[in-house]
Amino acid sequence: MADRSLRGIRLGAQSLQSEDGVVFHDRAQHTYVCATCGRETVLTFAADAEVPPAWECRTCGAEALLRIGEGTATVDHSDDKAPRTHWDMLLERRTIPELEELLEERLAFLRARRGGDQKISA
């Protein structure tokens, strides 16, 4: 039984490669402040990376803005597209008369299954 046991370090816990001679990329820390809960989040980015002006707050999920000096960045949402709803996507595939026809077919099926031509009240 002892012949089958794994010996050594835990799998995935540590790397066997050393960091000797490895040159790390320059990094910069940026602080994001949540307008809703006031929490500050510090994130590390590559020094030459384009830093986003907003980040999602880890606590409340609201938009946290990048702190620049003593103030925060502003984010322009004027060109953001409105999210498409299920109804919008449905109207891309079907017209209103087609939807009314499908509704009538489905209601007829349900009425027949109930055993009569009863009206379904809303």
PDB file of N, CA and C in Angstrom:
ATOM      1  N   MET A   1       0.820  -1.188   0.000  1.00  0.00           N
ATOM      2  CA  MET A   1       0.000   0.000   0.000  1.00  0.00           C
ATOM      3  C   MET A   1       0.860   1.246   0.000  1.00  0.00           C
ATOM      4  N   ALA A   2       1.967   1.213   0.683  1.00  0.00           N
ATOM      5  CA  ALA A   2       2.840   2.383   0.772  1.00  0.00           C
ATOM      6  C   ALA A   2       3.503   2.663  -0.571  1.00  0.00           C
ATOM      7  N   ASP A   3       3.572   1.657  -1.449  1.00  0.00           N
ATOM      8  CA  ASP A   3       4.216   1.860  -2.746  1.00  0.00           C
ATOM      9  C   ASP A   3       3.383   2.781  -3.641  1.00  0.00           C
ATOM     10  N   ARG A   4       2.095   2.853  -3.406  1.00  0.00           N
ATOM     11  CA  ARG A   4       1.221   3.629  -4.266  1.00  0.00           C
ATOM     12  C   ARG A   4       1.076   5.090  -3.839  1.00  0.00           C
ATOM     13  N   SER A   5       1.530   5.460  -2.691  1.00  0.00           N
ATOM     14  CA  SER A   5       1.324   6.828  -2.205  1.00  0.00           C
ATOM     15  C   SER A   5       2.235   7.801  -2.946  1.00  0.00           C
ATOM     16  N   LEU A   6       1.708   9.002  -3.158  1.00  0.00           N
ATOM     17  CA  LEU A   6       2.481  10.056  -3.807  1.00  0.00           C
ATOM     18  C   LEU A   6       3.368  10.733  -2.783  1.00  0.00           C
ATOM     19  N   ARG A   7       4.587  10.981  -3.186  1.00  0.00           N
ATOM     20  CA  ARG A   7       5.502  11.653  -2.274  1.00  0.00           C
ATOM     21  C   ARG A   7       5.995  12.939  -2.919  1.00  0.00           C
ATOM     22  N   GLY A   8       6.332  13.879  -2.116  1.00  0.00           N
ATOM     23  CA  GLY A   8       6.835  15.145  -2.632  1.00  0.00           C
ATOM     24  C   GLY A   8       5.910  16.288  -2.228  1.00  0.00           C
ATOM     25  N   ILE A   9       5.958  17.348  -2.999  1.00  0.00           N
ATOM     26  CA  ILE A   9       5.157  18.515  -2.657  1.00  0.00           C
ATOM     27  C   ILE A   9       3.733  18.339  -3.153  1.00  0.00           C
ATOM     28  N   ARG A  10       2.848  19.184  -2.677  1.00  0.00           N
ATOM     29  CA  ARG A  10       1.457  19.137  -3.114  1.00  0.00           C
ATOM     30  C   ARG A  10       1.380  19.549  -4.576  1.00  0.00           C
ATOM     31  N   LEU A  11       0.509  18.910  -5.309  1.00  0.00           N
ATOM     32  CA  LEU A  11       0.355  19.234  -6.715  1.00  0.00           C
ATOM     33  C   LEU A  11      -0.295  20.598  -6.876  1.00  0.00           C
ATOM     34  N   GLY A  12       0.282  21.440  -7.705  1.00  0.00           N
ATOM     35  CA  GLY A  12      -0.284  22.736  -8.003  1.00  0.00           C
ATOM     36  C   GLY A  12      -0.044  23.796  -6.961  1.00  0.00           C
ATOM     37  N   ALA A  13       0.569  23.449  -5.850  1.00  0.00           N
ATOM     38  CA  ALA A  13       0.760  24.422  -4.787  1.00  0.00           C
ATOM     39  C   ALA A  13       1.993  25.284  -5.009  1.00  0.00           C
ATOM     40  N   GLN A  14       3.036  24.702  -5.542  1.00  0.00           N
ATOM     41  CA  GLN A  14       4.277  25.435  -5.699  1.00  0.00           C
ATOM     42  C   GLN A  14       4.904  25.074  -7.040  1.00  0.00           C
ATOM     43  N   SER A  15       5.673  26.001  -7.559  1.00  0.00           N
ATOM     44  CA  SER A  15       6.392  25.750  -8.799  1.00  0.00           C
ATOM     45  C   SER A  15       7.802  25.274  -8.461  1.00  0.00           C
ATOM     46  N   LEU A  16       8.321  24.401  -9.284  1.00  0.00           N
ATOM     47  CA  LEU A  16       9.676  23.917  -9.055  1.00  0.00           C
ATOM     48  C   LEU A  16      10.713  24.794  -9.760  1.00  0.00           C
ATOM     49  N   GLN A  17      10.257  25.790 -10.523  1.00  0.00           N
ATOM     50  CA  GLN A  17      11.186  26.686 -11.195  1.00  0.00           C
ATOM     51  C   GLN A  17      11.573  27.812 -10.252  1.00  0.00           C
ATOM     52  N   SER A  18      12.804  28.237 -10.341  1.00  0.00           N
ATOM     53  CA  SER A  18      13.243  29.351  -9.506  1.00  0.00           C
ATOM     54  C   SER A  18      13.044  30.653 -10.265  1.00  0.00           C
ATOM     55  N   GLU A  19      13.041  31.746  -9.549  1.00  0.00           N
ATOM     56  CA  GLU A  19      12.854  33.058 -10.152  1.00  0.00           C
ATOM     57  C   GLU A  19      14.197  33.754 -10.384  1.00  0.00           C
ATOM     58  N   ASP A  20      15.278  33.019 -10.339  1.00  0.00           N
ATOM     59  CA  ASP A  20      16.593  33.598 -10.580  1.00  0.00           C
ATOM     60  C   ASP A  20      16.705  34.021 -12.029  1.00  0.00           C
ATOM     61  N   GLY A  21      17.137  35.238 -12.266  1.00  0.00           N
ATOM     62  CA  GLY A  21      17.340  35.730 -13.615  1.00  0.00           C
ATOM     63  C   GLY A  21      16.080  36.201 -14.319  1.00  0.00           C
ATOM     64  N   VAL A  22      14.936  36.165 -13.634  1.00  0.00           N
ATOM     65  CA  VAL A  22      13.687  36.605 -14.236  1.00  0.00           C
ATOM     66  C   VAL A  22      13.531  38.096 -13.987  1.00  0.00           C
ATOM     67  N   VAL A  23      13.277  38.857 -15.050  1.00  0.00           N
ATOM     68  CA  VAL A  23      13.071  40.294 -14.920  1.00  0.00           C
ATOM     69  C   VAL A  23      11.567  40.553 -15.018  1.00  0.00           C
ATOM     70  N   PHE A  24      11.008  41.064 -13.944  1.00  0.00           N
ATOM     71  CA  PHE A  24       9.574  41.327 -13.919  1.00  0.00           C
ATOM     72  C   PHE A  24       9.282  42.646 -14.615  1.00  0.00           C
ATOM     73  N   HIS A  25       8.110  42.736 -15.194  1.00  0.00           N
ATOM     74  CA  HIS A  25       7.662  43.940 -15.878  1.00  0.00           C
ATOM     75  C   HIS A  25       7.365  45.015 -14.828  1.00  0.00           C
ATOM     76  N   ASP A  26       7.568  46.275 -15.188  1.00  0.00           N
ATOM     77  CA  ASP A  26       7.264  47.371 -14.270  1.00  0.00           C
ATOM     78  C   ASP A  26       5.769  47.397 -13.979  1.00  0.00           C
ATOM     79  N   ARG A  27       5.432  47.694 -12.726  1.00  0.00           N
ATOM     80  CA  ARG A  27       4.035  47.700 -12.310  1.00  0.00           C
ATOM     81  C   ARG A  27       3.684  49.040 -11.682  1.00  0.00           C
ATOM     82  N   ALA A  28       2.401  49.343 -11.687  1.00  0.00           N
ATOM     83  CA  ALA A  28       1.898  50.555 -11.037  1.00  0.00           C
ATOM     84  C   ALA A  28       0.586  50.217 -10.344  1.00  0.00           C
ATOM     85  N   GLN A  29       0.404  50.768  -9.153  1.00  0.00           N
ATOM     86  CA  GLN A  29      -0.825  50.540  -8.411  1.00  0.00           C
ATOM     87  C   GLN A  29      -1.753  51.728  -8.597  1.00  0.00           C
ATOM     88  N   HIS A  30      -3.036  51.432  -8.797  1.00  0.00           N
ATOM     89  CA  HIS A  30      -4.042  52.460  -8.986  1.00  0.00           C
ATOM     90  C   HIS A  30      -5.182  52.204  -8.015  1.00  0.00           C
ATOM     91  N   THR A  31      -5.744  53.289  -7.476  1.00  0.00           N
ATOM     92  CA  THR A  31      -6.810  53.189  -6.484  1.00  0.00           C
ATOM     93  C   THR A  31      -8.140  53.574  -7.115  1.00  0.00           C
ATOM     94  N   TYR A  32      -9.150  52.746  -6.861  1.00  0.00           N
ATOM     95  CA  TYR A  32     -10.515  53.001  -7.319  1.00  0.00           C
ATOM     96  C   TYR A  32     -11.382  53.235  -6.086  1.00  0.00           C
ATOM     97  N   VAL A  33     -12.245  54.258  -6.149  1.00  0.00           N
ATOM     98  CA  VAL A  33     -13.107  54.613  -5.028  1.00  0.00           C
ATOM     99  C   VAL A  33     -14.556  54.438  -5.446  1.00  0.00           C
ATOM    100  N   CYS A  34     -15.303  53.683  -4.657  1.00  0.00           N
ATOM    101  CA  CYS A  34     -16.719  53.444  -4.936  1.00  0.00           C
ATOM    102  C   CYS A  34     -17.529  54.633  -4.442  1.00  0.00           C
ATOM    103  N   ALA A  35     -18.384  55.163  -5.295  1.00  0.00           N
ATOM    104  CA  ALA A  35     -19.222  56.300  -4.926  1.00  0.00           C
ATOM    105  C   ALA A  35     -20.362  55.875  -4.008  1.00  0.00           C
ATOM    106  N   THR A  36     -20.762  54.614  -4.066  1.00  0.00           N
ATOM    107  CA  THR A  36     -21.891  54.141  -3.271  1.00  0.00           C
ATOM    108  C   THR A  36     -21.501  53.814  -1.833  1.00  0.00           C
ATOM    109  N   CYS A  37     -20.499  52.935  -1.672  1.00  0.00           N
ATOM    110  CA  CYS A  37     -20.143  52.492  -0.320  1.00  0.00           C
ATOM    111  C   CYS A  37     -18.853  53.134   0.197  1.00  0.00           C
ATOM    112  N   GLY A  38     -18.108  53.829  -0.662  1.00  0.00           N
ATOM    113  CA  GLY A  38     -16.893  54.508  -0.227  1.00  0.00           C
ATOM    114  C   GLY A  38     -15.666  53.618  -0.115  1.00  0.00           C
ATOM    115  N   ARG A  39     -15.772  52.366  -0.476  1.00  0.00           N
ATOM    116  CA  ARG A  39     -14.646  51.434  -0.371  1.00  0.00           C
ATOM    117  C   ARG A  39     -13.576  51.778  -1.389  1.00  0.00           C
ATOM    118  N   GLU A  40     -12.329  51.696  -0.959  1.00  0.00           N
ATOM    119  CA  GLU A  40     -11.199  51.914  -1.857  1.00  0.00           C
ATOM    120  C   GLU A  40     -10.611  50.560  -2.247  1.00  0.00           C
ATOM    121  N   THR A  41     -10.372  50.378  -3.532  1.00  0.00           N
ATOM    122  CA  THR A  41      -9.789  49.149  -4.045  1.00  0.00           C
ATOM    123  C   THR A  41      -8.496  49.502  -4.759  1.00  0.00           C
ATOM    124  N   VAL A  42      -7.412  48.860  -4.368  1.00  0.00           N
ATOM    125  CA  VAL A  42      -6.117  49.108  -4.992  1.00  0.00           C
ATOM    126  C   VAL A  42      -5.805  47.938  -5.921  1.00  0.00           C
ATOM    127  N   LEU A  43      -5.584  48.245  -7.191  1.00  0.00           N
ATOM    128  CA  LEU A  43      -5.294  47.222  -8.194  1.00  0.00           C
ATOM    129  C   LEU A  43      -3.926  47.485  -8.801  1.00  0.00           C
ATOM    130  N   THR A  44      -3.238  46.427  -9.167  1.00  0.00           N
ATOM    131  CA  THR A  44      -1.921  46.530  -9.777  1.00  0.00           C
ATOM    132  C   THR A  44      -2.030  46.233 -11.257  1.00  0.00           C
ATOM    133  N   PHE A  45      -1.507  47.143 -12.070  1.00  0.00           N
ATOM    134  CA  PHE A  45      -1.486  47.000 -13.518  1.00  0.00           C
ATOM    135  C   PHE A  45      -0.057  47.115 -14.001  1.00  0.00           C
ATOM    136  N   ALA A  46       0.198  46.653 -15.215  1.00  0.00           N
ATOM    137  CA  ALA A  46       1.489  46.893 -15.838  1.00  0.00           C
ATOM    138  C   ALA A  46       1.650  48.396 -16.012  1.00  0.00           C
ATOM    139  N   ALA A  47       2.885  48.895 -15.891  1.00  0.00           N
ATOM    140  CA  ALA A  47       3.127  50.333 -15.927  1.00  0.00           C
ATOM    141  C   ALA A  47       2.699  50.948 -17.254  1.00  0.00           C
ATOM    142  N   ASP A  48       2.823  50.210 -18.347  1.00  0.00           N
ATOM    143  CA  ASP A  48       2.472  50.771 -19.648  1.00  0.00           C
ATOM    144  C   ASP A  48       1.062  50.386 -20.105  1.00  0.00           C
ATOM    145  N   ALA A  49       0.266  49.757 -19.225  1.00  0.00           N
ATOM    146  CA  ALA A  49      -1.092  49.337 -19.584  1.00  0.00           C
ATOM    147  C   ALA A  49      -2.036  50.523 -19.559  1.00  0.00           C
ATOM    148  N   GLU A  50      -3.070  50.460 -20.384  1.00  0.00           N
ATOM    149  CA  GLU A  50      -4.110  51.485 -20.367  1.00  0.00           C
ATOM    150  C   GLU A  50      -5.040  51.175 -19.196  1.00  0.00           C
ATOM    151  N   VAL A  51      -5.094  52.080 -18.243  1.00  0.00           N
ATOM    152  CA  VAL A  51      -5.859  51.863 -17.022  1.00  0.00           C
ATOM    153  C   VAL A  51      -7.306  52.280 -17.255  1.00  0.00           C
ATOM    154  N   PRO A  52      -8.283  51.397 -16.963  1.00  0.00           N
ATOM    155  CA  PRO A  52      -9.693  51.755 -17.173  1.00  0.00           C
ATOM    156  C   PRO A  52     -10.127  52.823 -16.167  1.00  0.00           C
ATOM    157  N   PRO A  53     -10.988  53.754 -16.578  1.00  0.00           N
ATOM    158  CA  PRO A  53     -11.418  54.811 -15.660  1.00  0.00           C
ATOM    159  C   PRO A  53     -12.406  54.325 -14.600  1.00  0.00           C
ATOM    160  N   ALA A  54     -13.018  53.159 -14.794  1.00  0.00           N
ATOM    161  CA  ALA A  54     -13.981  52.633 -13.821  1.00  0.00           C
ATOM    162  C   ALA A  54     -13.746  51.143 -13.623  1.00  0.00           C
ATOM    163  N   TRP A  55     -14.091  50.655 -12.421  1.00  0.00           N
ATOM    164  CA  TRP A  55     -13.927  49.249 -12.052  1.00  0.00           C
ATOM    165  C   TRP A  55     -15.117  48.870 -11.189  1.00  0.00           C
ATOM    166  N   GLU A  56     -15.527  47.629 -11.222  1.00  0.00           N
ATOM    167  CA  GLU A  56     -16.660  47.197 -10.404  1.00  0.00           C
ATOM    168  C   GLU A  56     -16.229  47.043  -8.955  1.00  0.00           C
ATOM    169  N   CYS A  57     -17.009  47.622  -8.038  1.00  0.00           N
ATOM    170  CA  CYS A  57     -16.711  47.538  -6.611  1.00  0.00           C
ATOM    171  C   CYS A  57     -16.900  46.095  -6.142  1.00  0.00           C
ATOM    172  N   ARG A  58     -15.966  45.612  -5.340  1.00  0.00           N
ATOM    173  CA  ARG A  58     -16.034  44.226  -4.856  1.00  0.00           C
ATOM    174  C   ARG A  58     -17.117  44.032  -3.806  1.00  0.00           C
ATOM    175  N   THR A  59     -17.478  45.103  -3.109  1.00  0.00           N
ATOM    176  CA  THR A  59     -18.444  44.989  -2.025  1.00  0.00           C
ATOM    177  C   THR A  59     -19.877  45.069  -2.510  1.00  0.00           C
ATOM    178  N   CYS A  60     -20.194  46.169  -3.224  1.00  0.00           N
ATOM    179  CA  CYS A  60     -21.595  46.393  -3.580  1.00  0.00           C
ATOM    180  C   CYS A  60     -21.884  46.227  -5.067  1.00  0.00           C
ATOM    181  N   GLY A  61     -20.863  46.082  -5.917  1.00  0.00           N
ATOM    182  CA  GLY A  61     -21.073  45.880  -7.342  1.00  0.00           C
ATOM    183  C   GLY A  61     -21.317  47.153  -8.121  1.00  0.00           C
ATOM    184  N   ALA A  62     -21.292  48.306  -7.441  1.00  0.00           N
ATOM    185  CA  ALA A  62     -21.484  49.582  -8.137  1.00  0.00           C
ATOM    186  C   ALA A  62     -20.188  49.952  -8.864  1.00  0.00           C
ATOM    187  N   GLU A  63     -20.231  51.055  -9.563  1.00  0.00           N
ATOM    188  CA  GLU A  63     -19.067  51.493 -10.336  1.00  0.00           C
ATOM    189  C   GLU A  63     -18.122  52.299  -9.444  1.00  0.00           C
ATOM    190  N   ALA A  64     -16.886  51.830  -9.349  1.00  0.00           N
ATOM    191  CA  ALA A  64     -15.848  52.552  -8.609  1.00  0.00           C
ATOM    192  C   ALA A  64     -15.000  53.311  -9.617  1.00  0.00           C
ATOM    193  N   LEU A  65     -14.690  54.571  -9.301  1.00  0.00           N
ATOM    194  CA  LEU A  65     -13.960  55.425 -10.229  1.00  0.00           C
ATOM    195  C   LEU A  65     -12.494  55.528  -9.841  1.00  0.00           C
ATOM    196  N   LEU A  66     -11.655  55.660 -10.840  1.00  0.00           N
ATOM    197  CA  LEU A  66     -10.213  55.768 -10.651  1.00  0.00           C
ATOM    198  C   LEU A  66      -9.889  57.067  -9.937  1.00  0.00           C
ATOM    199  N   ARG A  67      -9.083  56.984  -8.877  1.00  0.00           N
ATOM    200  CA  ARG A  67      -8.660  58.184  -8.166  1.00  0.00           C
ATOM    201  C   ARG A  67      -7.451  58.771  -8.882  1.00  0.00           C
ATOM    202  N   ILE A  68      -7.581  60.044  -9.256  1.00  0.00           N
ATOM    203  CA  ILE A  68      -6.477  60.759  -9.888  1.00  0.00           C
ATOM    204  C   ILE A  68      -6.135  61.918  -8.971  1.00  0.00           C
ATOM    205  N   GLY A  69      -4.992  61.851  -8.307  1.00  0.00           N
ATOM    206  CA  GLY A  69      -4.628  62.885  -7.343  1.00  0.00           C
ATOM    207  C   GLY A  69      -5.611  62.873  -6.190  1.00  0.00           C
ATOM    208  N   GLU A  70      -6.244  64.016  -5.948  1.00  0.00           N
ATOM    209  CA  GLU A  70      -7.237  64.109  -4.881  1.00  0.00           C
ATOM    210  C   GLU A  70      -8.656  63.850  -5.386  1.00  0.00           C
ATOM    211  N   GLY A  71      -8.859  63.905  -6.696  1.00  0.00           N
ATOM    212  CA  GLY A  71     -10.193  63.707  -7.254  1.00  0.00           C
ATOM    213  C   GLY A  71     -10.334  62.318  -7.855  1.00  0.00           C
ATOM    214  N   THR A  72     -11.450  62.100  -8.540  1.00  0.00           N
ATOM    215  CA  THR A  72     -11.675  60.832  -9.221  1.00  0.00           C
ATOM    216  C   THR A  72     -11.927  61.111 -10.694  1.00  0.00           C
ATOM    217  N   ALA A  73     -11.764  60.092 -11.499  1.00  0.00           N
ATOM    218  CA  ALA A  73     -11.995  60.218 -12.936  1.00  0.00           C
ATOM    219  C   ALA A  73     -13.490  60.283 -13.195  1.00  0.00           C
ATOM    220  N   THR A  74     -13.841  60.856 -14.307  1.00  0.00           N
ATOM    221  CA  THR A  74     -15.244  60.861 -14.711  1.00  0.00           C
ATOM    222  C   THR A  74     -15.398  59.907 -15.889  1.00  0.00           C
ATOM    223  N   VAL A  75     -16.536  59.254 -15.949  1.00  0.00           N
ATOM    224  CA  VAL A  75     -16.799  58.295 -17.007  1.00  0.00           C
ATOM    225  C   VAL A  75     -17.991  58.797 -17.802  1.00  0.00           C
ATOM    226  N   ASP A  76     -17.818  58.914 -19.111  1.00  0.00           N
ATOM    227  CA  ASP A  76     -18.885  59.380 -19.997  1.00  0.00           C
ATOM    228  C   ASP A  76     -19.652  58.176 -20.517  1.00  0.00           C
ATOM    229  N   HIS A  77     -20.926  58.077 -20.127  1.00  0.00           N
ATOM    230  CA  HIS A  77     -21.766  56.949 -20.548  1.00  0.00           C
ATOM    231  C   HIS A  77     -22.707  57.337 -21.675  1.00  0.00           C
ATOM    232  N   SER A  78     -22.478  58.466 -22.313  1.00  0.00           N
ATOM    233  CA  SER A  78     -23.423  58.935 -23.330  1.00  0.00           C
ATOM    234  C   SER A  78     -23.437  58.039 -24.570  1.00  0.00           C
ATOM    235  N   ASP A  79     -22.313  57.394 -24.900  1.00  0.00           N
ATOM    236  CA  ASP A  79     -22.283  56.559 -26.094  1.00  0.00           C
ATOM    237  C   ASP A  79     -22.525  55.084 -25.802  1.00  0.00           C
ATOM    238  N   ASP A  80     -22.856  54.734 -24.557  1.00  0.00           N
ATOM    239  CA  ASP A  80     -23.150  53.344 -24.214  1.00  0.00           C
ATOM    240  C   ASP A  80     -24.484  52.940 -24.819  1.00  0.00           C
ATOM    241  N   LYS A  81     -24.535  51.723 -25.347  1.00  0.00           N
ATOM    242  CA  LYS A  81     -25.781  51.210 -25.914  1.00  0.00           C
ATOM    243  C   LYS A  81     -26.668  50.697 -24.789  1.00  0.00           C
ATOM    244  N   ALA A  82     -27.964  50.894 -24.948  1.00  0.00           N
ATOM    245  CA  ALA A  82     -28.914  50.358 -23.978  1.00  0.00           C
ATOM    246  C   ALA A  82     -28.936  48.838 -24.130  1.00  0.00           C
ATOM    247  N   PRO A  83     -29.011  48.110 -23.033  1.00  0.00           N
ATOM    248  CA  PRO A  83     -29.044  46.651 -23.142  1.00  0.00           C
ATOM    249  C   PRO A  83     -30.308  46.177 -23.841  1.00  0.00           C
ATOM    250  N   ARG A  84     -30.155  45.155 -24.673  1.00  0.00           N
ATOM    251  CA  ARG A  84     -31.309  44.598 -25.382  1.00  0.00           C
ATOM    252  C   ARG A  84     -32.078  43.684 -24.450  1.00  0.00           C
ATOM    253  N   THR A  85     -33.382  43.823 -24.463  1.00  0.00           N
ATOM    254  CA  THR A  85     -34.237  42.974 -23.641  1.00  0.00           C
ATOM    255  C   THR A  85     -34.654  41.746 -24.444  1.00  0.00           C
ATOM    256  N   HIS A  86     -35.291  40.798 -23.767  1.00  0.00           N
ATOM    257  CA  HIS A  86     -35.806  39.614 -24.452  1.00  0.00           C
ATOM    258  C   HIS A  86     -36.849  40.024 -25.494  1.00  0.00           C
ATOM    259  N   TRP A  87     -37.657  41.023 -25.152  1.00  0.00           N
ATOM    260  CA  TRP A  87     -38.691  41.490 -26.072  1.00  0.00           C
ATOM    261  C   TRP A  87     -38.059  42.078 -27.334  1.00  0.00           C
ATOM    262  N   ASP A  88     -36.980  42.850 -27.192  1.00  0.00           N
ATOM    263  CA  ASP A  88     -36.294  43.417 -28.357  1.00  0.00           C
ATOM    264  C   ASP A  88     -35.765  42.316 -29.273  1.00  0.00           C
ATOM    265  N   MET A  89     -35.174  41.297 -28.671  1.00  0.00           N
ATOM    266  CA  MET A  89     -34.635  40.199 -29.479  1.00  0.00           C
ATOM    267  C   MET A  89     -35.744  39.392 -30.148  1.00  0.00           C
ATOM    268  N   LEU A  90     -36.885  39.255 -29.462  1.00  0.00           N
ATOM    269  CA  LEU A  90     -38.026  38.549 -30.043  1.00  0.00           C
ATOM    270  C   LEU A  90     -38.570  39.316 -31.243  1.00  0.00           C
ATOM    271  N   LEU A  91     -38.641  40.635 -31.121  1.00  0.00           N
ATOM    272  CA  LEU A  91     -39.155  41.449 -32.227  1.00  0.00           C
ATOM    273  C   LEU A  91     -38.202  41.479 -33.421  1.00  0.00           C
ATOM    274  N   GLU A  92     -36.950  41.130 -33.217  1.00  0.00           N
ATOM    275  CA  GLU A  92     -36.022  41.005 -34.340  1.00  0.00           C
ATOM    276  C   GLU A  92     -36.325  39.762 -35.167  1.00  0.00           C
ATOM    277  N   ARG A  93     -36.927  38.739 -34.522  1.00  0.00           N
ATOM    278  CA  ARG A  93     -37.203  37.486 -35.214  1.00  0.00           C
ATOM    279  C   ARG A  93     -38.635  37.375 -35.708  1.00  0.00           C
ATOM    280  N   ARG A  94     -39.593  38.002 -35.029  1.00  0.00           N
ATOM    281  CA  ARG A  94     -41.009  37.859 -35.352  1.00  0.00           C
ATOM    282  C   ARG A  94     -41.679  39.226 -35.410  1.00  0.00           C
ATOM    283  N   THR A  95     -42.775  39.286 -36.169  1.00  0.00           N
ATOM    284  CA  THR A  95     -43.586  40.499 -36.202  1.00  0.00           C
ATOM    285  C   THR A  95     -44.732  40.341 -35.210  1.00  0.00           C
ATOM    286  N   ILE A  96     -45.413  41.439 -34.905  1.00  0.00           N
ATOM    287  CA  ILE A  96     -46.542  41.389 -33.963  1.00  0.00           C
ATOM    288  C   ILE A  96     -47.654  40.468 -34.468  1.00  0.00           C
ATOM    289  N   PRO A  97     -48.048  40.518 -35.759  1.00  0.00           N
ATOM    290  CA  PRO A  97     -49.082  39.570 -36.223  1.00  0.00           C
ATOM    291  C   PRO A  97     -48.646  38.101 -36.088  1.00  0.00           C
ATOM    292  N   GLU A  98     -47.377  37.810 -36.336  1.00  0.00           N
ATOM    293  CA  GLU A  98     -46.904  36.424 -36.165  1.00  0.00           C
ATOM    294  C   GLU A  98     -46.992  36.011 -34.699  1.00  0.00           C
ATOM    295  N   LEU A  99     -46.643  36.916 -33.788  1.00  0.00           N
ATOM    296  CA  LEU A  99     -46.710  36.602 -32.363  1.00  0.00           C
ATOM    297  C   LEU A  99     -48.157  36.390 -31.913  1.00  0.00           C
ATOM    298  N   GLU A 100     -49.085  37.192 -32.442  1.00  0.00           N
ATOM    299  CA  GLU A 100     -50.494  37.001 -32.098  1.00  0.00           C
ATOM    300  C   GLU A 100     -51.010  35.660 -32.600  1.00  0.00           C
ATOM    301  N   GLU A 101     -50.568  35.260 -33.791  1.00  0.00           N
ATOM    302  CA  GLU A 101     -50.975  33.961 -34.343  1.00  0.00           C
ATOM    303  C   GLU A 101     -50.429  32.821 -33.486  1.00  0.00           C
ATOM    304  N   LEU A 102     -49.175  32.912 -33.080  1.00  0.00           N
ATOM    305  CA  LEU A 102     -48.586  31.882 -32.209  1.00  0.00           C
ATOM    306  C   LEU A 102     -49.306  31.813 -30.869  1.00  0.00           C
ATOM    307  N   LEU A 103     -49.682  32.968 -30.333  1.00  0.00           N
ATOM    308  CA  LEU A 103     -50.408  33.001 -29.070  1.00  0.00           C
ATOM    309  C   LEU A 103     -51.766  32.309 -29.202  1.00  0.00           C
ATOM    310  N   GLU A 104     -52.477  32.583 -30.280  1.00  0.00           N
ATOM    311  CA  GLU A 104     -53.776  31.946 -30.487  1.00  0.00           C
ATOM    312  C   GLU A 104     -53.639  30.435 -30.644  1.00  0.00           C
ATOM    313  N   GLU A 105     -52.597  29.986 -31.373  1.00  0.00           N
ATOM    314  CA  GLU A 105     -52.377  28.540 -31.521  1.00  0.00           C
ATOM    315  C   GLU A 105     -52.114  27.892 -30.170  1.00  0.00           C
ATOM    316  N   ARG A 106     -51.311  28.532 -29.355  1.00  0.00           N
ATOM    317  CA  ARG A 106     -50.965  27.973 -28.048  1.00  0.00           C
ATOM    318  C   ARG A 106     -52.177  27.957 -27.114  1.00  0.00           C
ATOM    319  N   LEU A 107     -52.969  29.041 -27.159  1.00  0.00           N
ATOM    320  CA  LEU A 107     -54.179  29.077 -26.332  1.00  0.00           C
ATOM    321  C   LEU A 107     -55.174  28.007 -26.765  1.00  0.00           C
ATOM    322  N   ALA A 108     -55.301  27.781 -28.074  1.00  0.00           N
ATOM    323  CA  ALA A 108     -56.189  26.733 -28.565  1.00  0.00           C
ATOM    324  C   ALA A 108     -55.716  25.366 -28.097  1.00  0.00           C
ATOM    325  N   PHE A 109     -54.413  25.150 -28.105  1.00  0.00           N
ATOM    326  CA  PHE A 109     -53.856  23.883 -27.619  1.00  0.00           C
ATOM    327  C   PHE A 109     -54.161  23.690 -26.137  1.00  0.00           C
ATOM    328  N   LEU A 110     -53.991  24.735 -25.340  1.00  0.00           N
ATOM    329  CA  LEU A 110     -54.250  24.634 -23.901  1.00  0.00           C
ATOM    330  C   LEU A 110     -55.730  24.409 -23.622  1.00  0.00           C
ATOM    331  N   ARG A 111     -56.593  25.084 -24.374  1.00  0.00           N
ATOM    332  CA  ARG A 111     -58.033  24.901 -24.184  1.00  0.00           C
ATOM    333  C   ARG A 111     -58.449  23.479 -24.540  1.00  0.00           C
ATOM    334  N   ALA A 112     -57.876  22.937 -25.610  1.00  0.00           N
ATOM    335  CA  ALA A 112     -58.206  21.571 -26.022  1.00  0.00           C
ATOM    336  C   ALA A 112     -57.716  20.572 -24.983  1.00  0.00           C
ATOM    337  N   ARG A 113     -56.598  20.835 -24.401  1.00  0.00           N
ATOM    338  CA  ARG A 113     -56.048  19.932 -23.388  1.00  0.00           C
ATOM    339  C   ARG A 113     -56.879  19.946 -22.116  1.00  0.00           C
ATOM    340  N   ARG A 114     -57.486  21.086 -21.815  1.00  0.00           N
ATOM    341  CA  ARG A 114     -58.333  21.178 -20.623  1.00  0.00           C
ATOM    342  C   ARG A 114     -59.675  20.482 -20.831  1.00  0.00           C
ATOM    343  N   GLY A 115     -60.002  20.203 -22.075  1.00  0.00           N
ATOM    344  CA  GLY A 115     -61.221  19.471 -22.330  1.00  0.00           C
ATOM    345  C   GLY A 115     -62.411  20.344 -22.676  1.00  0.00           C
ATOM    346  N   GLY A 116     -62.197  21.437 -23.248  1.00  0.00           N
ATOM    347  CA  GLY A 116     -63.314  22.282 -23.637  1.00  0.00           C
ATOM    348  C   GLY A 116     -62.834  23.563 -24.242  1.00  0.00           C
ATOM    349  N   ASP A 117     -63.757  24.354 -24.693  1.00  0.00           N
ATOM    350  CA  ASP A 117     -63.429  25.626 -25.314  1.00  0.00           C
ATOM    351  C   ASP A 117     -63.677  26.735 -24.305  1.00  0.00           C
ATOM    352  N   GLN A 118     -63.098  26.563 -23.115  1.00  0.00           N
ATOM    353  CA  GLN A 118     -63.290  27.519 -22.047  1.00  0.00           C
ATOM    354  C   GLN A 118     -62.403  28.736 -22.282  1.00  0.00           C
ATOM    355  N   LYS A 119     -62.896  29.852 -21.860  1.00  0.00           N
ATOM    356  CA  LYS A 119     -62.099  31.079 -21.962  1.00  0.00           C
ATOM    357  C   LYS A 119     -61.120  31.131 -20.797  1.00  0.00           C
ATOM    358  N   ILE A 120     -59.920  31.562 -21.108  1.00  0.00           N
ATOM    359  CA  ILE A 120     -58.911  31.738 -20.070  1.00  0.00           C
ATOM    360  C   ILE A 120     -58.936  33.199 -19.674  1.00  0.00           C
ATOM    361  N   SER A 121     -59.254  33.457 -18.423  1.00  0.00           N
ATOM    362  CA  SER A 121     -59.336  34.840 -17.977  1.00  0.00           C
ATOM    363  C   SER A 121     -57.976  35.289 -17.476  1.00  0.00           C
ATOM    364  N   ALA A 122     -57.675  36.556 -17.748  1.00  0.00           N
ATOM    365  CA  ALA A 122     -56.384  37.092 -17.350  1.00  0.00           C
ATOM    366  C   ALA A 122     -56.484  37.854 -16.063  1.00  0.00           C
TER     367      ALA A 122
END
